[in-house]
Every structure is written in C-alpha cells, then in structure tokens.
Amino acid sequence: MKIKVHPEDFEVNERLDLPLNAAGGTYSIYRLQKREWNTVDAIAAAAKANGVPVSAIGYGGKKDRHASTVQYLSVPARYRLEFESKNVIVSHAGYADDYISAFHLSGNDFRVTIRELSEVELQALERGLERVLRWGFANYFDDQRFGSVSEGAFLAERLIRGEFSGALQLFFCTIHPEDPAPLKALKSMRRQSWGDWTKLAALSRTKAEQEIARILEKDPSRQGLARALNTIPREELSMGFSAYQSFLWNATLKELVRLHGHDTFEVQGKVASTLHFGNLEPEGSNPLAAATIPTEAGKIGPAEDQVRRIMDEILEHRGIRRSQFNLREVRKSFFKSFPRRAVCRVRGLTATRPEPDELYPGKSRVTLGFFLPKSSYATMLFKALTGKP
C-alpha cells in the first residue's frame, strides 16, 4: 500500500481557533495554500517578495511538503503578505487581535487516499478502522519530529551530558539519507577535519557555521564551545531539543502500551520502533485510555505515579539526571514540559468504498477523511491502522 503518491492524495486543512473579522485588527491573517513546498520555504518566499521580516510572521506548525495543505499565517497589520508562485498562494483571510501560534490551532482535517491495496490489505485496513474507531491509537510523535537525528545520536543529549564538542560535531557533520551527494561529501570532510578549526571554517557554508568556526579558531576552550553553541540558530537548536523530548516521551508511552495494551504489535520508525495496541480492555477502566504523559524537562508537570516511575527509569537507563535539563551555559533555547495525551481519538472518520486504482492495475484505493487534534500525526494513525511503517 502507498500514501502520498501525489500531493493531492494527502490533503491537510488547518482549523484555526482564532476569531477573524473583516474590519481590521492588530494582525493581518493570511491563508497559505501550497503543494511541494515546505512551510518554512513558502513563508520565506512570501516575506522576501513583500519586504517583511520573517521573524514578524506567526504560524502554528509546519505542514508536509509532499501534500496539498492549507494553513494560516499572521503578520502585524502594517505589512502585506500576498504572494503567488508555482504551487503556492498566500491570500488575505481577515484580521485578528492576536498573532498565530500553536495555541490558536484546534487541529487538522485530513483527506488521504491510500493506493495499491491488495485484497488482504483491504481486509486488514477494515479491521484497523474498526479498532481505531473504538479504541483510538497510541499518540506517538512520528518520524517528522526526528528530522535532525541520524544514527540515534541526539544533539540535546550531548548538551545535557556536557559534551559540547560532540554536540557541535552533530550540528556540522550529521549526514541524513536525503542529503544530496555533495553535501554528504562535505559533511564527511568536516568530520575528518574536526578539531582543525581553520579547515572547518573553509568547509562552512552558512553564516552561522562560519561564525561558529571563527569563534573556535580564537577560543577552543569550553567557554568558546559554549559561545559557539549559542550561535546555532534558535529554530535548529529548538528542533534538536524537541526531537530528544519526543524520543523520551515515546519511550514512556511504549512502556505503558506494553503494560496495559492488548494484542500489541510493533512498527519500525526512524530512531526507534513504536508499540501499538489492538484493544484497551477492560473498556472504561484501562489506565492507558485516559493517561497523560508530560514531556521531559528540568521540572516536569503533574504525572501519575506509574508514569513518573517509568520516566525516571528511562533517564536512569541513559545515565541522565532530570536536573541536567537546566542548561546554564546554553541560553538560546530551553526544555519546557507540557502534557500530552497517550491515546488519540479520531473524529469524523469516514472511508470510501474500495475502488479500482487507476495508477496500479489490479489493486484498489480507498480515501479516508478524519480530524485529528493538534500535535497528533496522521502518519502514526496509518501505522496503527495497518501495522506497517
């Protein structure tokens, strides 16, 4: 089976929980419609075309490049942001008295076509739909959250351990499978030259990389390494922190599913496998059904005793103390704990009757419609439905 064969096979429409009006307000709200663009690049293009600082633009989250998506942007009302180019349109939607952030999103509506389904896969999908409608699905962070991770090495964990040089090495040298061949070669040369800061400067491409290399040329001490780490762009540093929090959160949920889920099955992911449940008997009293897990930080929010014990054991296994999440030498980003439901309930789930797939003769296609609350992943829903990555 396949999803995302065409961008139109994976439609995402953001639901904005922010009152708009036509008369005016502190912020102008724009509708960003795109396909084959990632959110950051689309925003940057619209900002450049209108002479607007990217930092002035608010948005609730990133939407998949390999999809047809609609989301909303905010900008102070003195700016304009209309923009149109191939596969991207930014159009005015109204005004509001607050800027858009994740706080103002209620979730996303999806319409997803699953292709190349065999008869056996159709039957498995039908059983999966019945299962998810009744029990929901394990609300793991999915692979999109781990784009900054390669070979299981986390920049944030190295920072927590005080391994500043190792953290910088991940920033400069991590090779991702999707990197083009010239970039892979460049990162390989950086790894071989690590510690030769003059050579690293010559192998730097971005402004941040060049600044970090210059800092280390002048001062390779721990203080210099700390200054260099604080030069990493805030967004990249925050992505690294979020990836590590998500990894630890997933590990906690996996243990809870092992303890309380029934008819469990495992699905491989980018950095770790996820464990899913077939049911949560006894219905109405299984502790996993209503469980909440806080993300990891120096100070975590309220947690049930069992959840906290599992979180403590995961940190102990990795040789980390919770107090180490308070990074005194890195101030550009920080760990913040927030609660997240262990089980996601799908709303408005519908499925079309199987139809012949015009792209794959002899196979079928089915289109699903559904709503997911913010911070839940449609791709994780499909793993729960099908048992496949």
Foldseek 3Di string as FASTA:
>chain_A
DDWLPAQAQKEKEFDFQFDFDAPAEQKWKKKKWFELDKPVVLLVVLCVVFVHPSVQKEFADIDDNSHTYIGMIIGGPVTDRFDDDPGITIGTDGYGHDGDYVVGTFFIKIKHKDWQAAPVLVVLLVLLVVQCQVQFKFQADAQVLVPLDDPQDFLLVCLLVVVLLVSVLSVQQPDDPPDDPVSNVLSVVCVVCRPVLVVQCVSDDDPLSNVLSVLCVVPVDSLSSLVSLLSPDLVVVVSSLSSVLSVLQQQLLQVLCVVFADPKAWEAHRNGIHIMHSHRPPPPPGVLRFAKAKGAALDEDDHPPVSVVSSVVVCVVVVGDSNSQPRPSHDSDGDDIDIDRRGWRKPPWDKDDWDQDPVDGPGTMMMIIIITTPSGDPVSSVCSSRVYD
